[in-house]
Amino acid sequence: MIQVRVAGIEDVAAVNFILRESYTALMADAYQPALLEEALPMMVRANPRLLASGTYYLAEADGEPAGCGGWTFDEPGTGTLEPGTAHIRHFGVRPSWIAKGIGRRLYMRCEADARAAGARRFVCFSSLNGEPFYRALGFERQARIEVPMGPTVRLPSILMSRPI
């Protein structure tokens, strides 16, 4: 049984666990080890602002944390707002739960809630390994980008979008 619920600050340990397992394993084939060594410490920590947003979710399967992810109206890193546009944020699924509907369930919750809040389009900064997942959800590649991960690390990524 899969349950998707709003995450809160009390879920920080579960989200950290999911992100660490997910990103460490799933990004290994898409990025150079030296880049991951620098970027992962910044990526595998839950963002307290997201956890307090009411638009970040935790998926539990068989009573254990299996995935997390959410959305915001503000663009990651800049805080820029564009009317009708929402941004997918900090998705991760534990490797043992990949291809079992966790990511899709999280996305569907995000889409329903964002649409109800007035969003008409989603944008995401996909990791290289995440692009097939987002493409399967109907996202289209817009451009290759580099996402800053601290003052010196830039993570090659894919800017993607889709109407909702």
Protein backbone atom coordinates (compact mmCIF):
# COMPACT_ATOMS: atom_id res chain seq x y z
CA MET A 1 0.00 0.00 0.00
CA ILE A 2 1.31 3.44 -1.00
CA GLN A 3 0.32 6.57 0.91
CA VAL A 4 1.33 10.10 -0.11
CA ARG A 5 0.96 12.76 2.57
CA VAL A 6 2.13 16.30 3.24
CA ALA A 7 5.57 16.21 4.83
CA GLY A 8 6.51 18.40 7.76
CA ILE A 9 9.63 19.38 9.63
CA GLU A 10 9.22 16.25 11.75
CA ASP A 11 9.96 14.22 8.58
CA VAL A 12 13.47 15.60 8.12
CA ALA A 13 15.20 12.29 8.99
CA ALA A 14 13.00 10.27 6.60
CA VAL A 15 13.51 12.76 3.75
CA ASN A 16 17.28 12.86 4.33
CA PHE A 17 17.32 9.05 4.26
CA ILE A 18 15.37 8.90 0.98
CA LEU A 19 17.46 11.59 -0.74
CA ARG A 20 20.76 10.04 0.36
CA GLU A 21 19.78 6.55 -0.86
CA SER A 22 18.19 7.84 -4.07
CA TYR A 23 20.76 10.34 -5.25
CA THR A 24 23.82 8.33 -4.24
CA ALA A 25 22.69 5.24 -6.15
CA LEU A 26 20.74 6.66 -9.07
CA MET A 27 23.11 9.48 -10.06
CA ALA A 28 26.23 7.31 -10.07
CA ASP A 29 25.90 6.34 -13.74
CA ALA A 30 25.03 9.87 -14.93
CA TYR A 31 27.74 11.97 -13.28
CA GLN A 32 31.49 11.79 -12.67
CA PRO A 33 32.44 10.57 -9.17
CA ALA A 34 34.42 13.74 -8.39
CA LEU A 35 31.40 15.94 -9.19
CA LEU A 36 29.09 13.80 -7.06
CA GLU A 37 31.57 13.88 -4.19
CA GLU A 38 31.24 17.66 -4.13
CA ALA A 39 27.55 17.99 -4.99
CA LEU A 40 25.89 15.21 -3.00
CA PRO A 41 26.47 16.66 0.48
CA MET A 42 24.40 19.69 -0.59
CA MET A 43 21.73 17.65 -2.36
CA VAL A 44 20.91 14.93 0.17
CA ARG A 45 19.68 17.24 2.92
CA ALA A 46 16.02 18.07 3.33
CA ASN A 47 15.24 21.73 2.73
CA PRO A 48 13.48 23.03 5.88
CA ARG A 49 11.62 25.65 3.84
CA LEU A 50 10.19 22.94 1.58
CA LEU A 51 9.25 20.80 4.58
CA ALA A 52 7.34 23.75 6.03
CA SER A 53 5.69 24.72 2.72
CA GLY A 54 2.68 22.39 2.76
CA THR A 55 3.53 21.46 -0.84
CA TYR A 56 6.22 18.89 -0.14
CA TYR A 57 5.18 15.25 0.22
CA LEU A 58 6.38 11.99 1.69
CA ALA A 59 5.40 8.68 0.09
CA GLU A 60 5.25 5.71 2.40
CA ALA A 61 4.97 2.17 1.10
CA ASP A 62 4.34 -0.80 3.32
CA GLY A 63 4.84 1.52 6.30
CA GLU A 64 8.32 2.73 5.33
CA PRO A 65 9.54 5.97 3.68
CA ALA A 66 9.85 5.30 -0.04
CA GLY A 67 9.92 8.65 -1.83
CA CYS A 68 9.60 12.40 -1.48
CA GLY A 69 9.07 15.45 -3.64
CA GLY A 70 7.00 18.55 -4.03
CA TRP A 71 6.43 21.84 -5.78
CA THR A 72 6.53 25.59 -5.21
CA PHE A 73 5.52 28.66 -7.13
CA ASP A 74 8.94 30.25 -6.64
CA GLU A 75 11.81 29.21 -8.88
CA PRO A 76 14.56 27.28 -7.09
CA GLY A 77 17.59 29.42 -6.37
CA THR A 78 16.06 32.74 -7.43
CA GLY A 79 12.65 32.96 -5.80
CA THR A 80 11.30 34.38 -9.05
CA LEU A 81 7.54 34.07 -9.54
CA GLU A 82 5.88 33.68 -12.93
CA PRO A 83 2.08 33.72 -12.92
CA GLY A 84 0.64 30.26 -13.57
CA THR A 85 4.02 28.50 -13.34
CA ALA A 86 4.99 26.08 -10.58
CA HIS A 87 8.27 24.24 -10.05
CA ILE A 88 8.87 20.57 -9.24
CA ARG A 89 11.19 20.34 -6.24
CA HIS A 90 13.62 17.84 -4.69
CA PHE A 91 12.16 14.51 -5.87
CA GLY A 92 13.74 11.26 -4.76
CA VAL A 93 12.73 7.61 -4.62
CA ARG A 94 14.63 4.92 -2.76
CA PRO A 95 16.23 2.50 -5.25
CA SER A 96 14.28 -0.47 -3.84
CA TRP A 97 11.04 1.34 -4.78
CA ILE A 98 11.97 2.46 -8.32
CA ALA A 99 9.44 1.49 -11.04
CA LYS A 100 6.74 0.68 -8.47
CA GLY A 101 4.63 3.82 -8.88
CA ILE A 102 6.11 5.92 -6.06
CA GLY A 103 7.45 8.75 -8.23
CA ARG A 104 4.30 8.86 -10.35
CA ARG A 105 2.07 8.99 -7.25
CA LEU A 106 4.13 11.85 -5.84
CA TYR A 107 3.94 13.69 -9.15
CA MET A 108 0.18 13.22 -9.42
CA ARG A 109 -0.29 14.68 -5.93
CA CYS A 110 1.88 17.65 -6.90
CA GLU A 111 -0.06 18.20 -10.12
CA ALA A 112 -3.48 18.03 -8.46
CA ASP A 113 -2.51 20.42 -5.67
CA ALA A 114 -0.67 22.85 -7.95
CA ARG A 115 -3.57 22.94 -10.40
CA ALA A 116 -6.00 23.59 -7.54
CA ALA A 117 -3.75 26.49 -6.45
CA GLY A 118 -3.87 28.05 -9.93
CA ALA A 119 -0.80 26.63 -11.68
CA ARG A 120 -1.12 25.91 -15.39
CA ARG A 121 2.44 24.77 -16.09
CA PHE A 122 5.19 22.84 -14.34
CA VAL A 123 8.90 23.48 -14.78
CA CYS A 124 11.64 21.25 -13.38
CA PHE A 125 15.41 21.20 -13.26
CA SER A 126 15.90 17.48 -13.95
CA SER A 127 19.10 15.64 -13.17
CA LEU A 128 20.52 13.83 -16.20
CA ASN A 129 19.34 10.48 -14.86
CA GLY A 130 15.87 11.88 -14.06
CA GLU A 131 15.06 13.01 -17.59
CA PRO A 132 13.42 9.69 -18.68
CA PHE A 133 11.11 9.79 -15.62
CA TYR A 134 9.94 13.32 -16.35
CA ARG A 135 9.61 12.62 -20.08
CA ALA A 136 7.32 9.66 -19.22
CA LEU A 137 5.15 12.12 -17.27
CA GLY A 138 4.79 14.37 -20.31
CA PHE A 139 7.58 16.87 -19.65
CA GLU A 140 9.53 18.16 -22.64
CA ARG A 141 13.19 19.12 -22.71
CA GLN A 142 13.72 22.86 -23.04
CA ALA A 143 17.49 23.21 -22.61
CA ARG A 144 20.62 21.85 -20.96
CA ILE A 145 21.44 23.93 -17.91
CA GLU A 146 23.84 23.94 -14.98
CA VAL A 147 22.33 24.17 -11.52
CA PRO A 148 24.51 25.80 -8.85
CA MET A 149 25.18 23.53 -5.86
CA GLY A 150 26.97 25.95 -3.59
CA PRO A 151 29.57 28.52 -4.58
CA THR A 152 31.81 26.31 -6.75
CA VAL A 153 29.80 23.29 -7.96
CA ARG A 154 27.48 23.33 -10.97
CA LEU A 155 25.41 20.24 -11.73
CA PRO A 156 24.64 19.55 -15.42
CA SER A 157 20.86 19.28 -15.65
CA ILE A 158 17.93 19.47 -18.04
CA LEU A 159 15.31 22.25 -17.94
CA MET A 160 11.94 20.59 -18.64
CA SER A 161 8.34 21.77 -18.66
CA ARG A 162 4.78 20.62 -19.27
CA PRO A 163 1.28 22.07 -19.11
CA ILE A 164 -0.91 20.87 -16.25
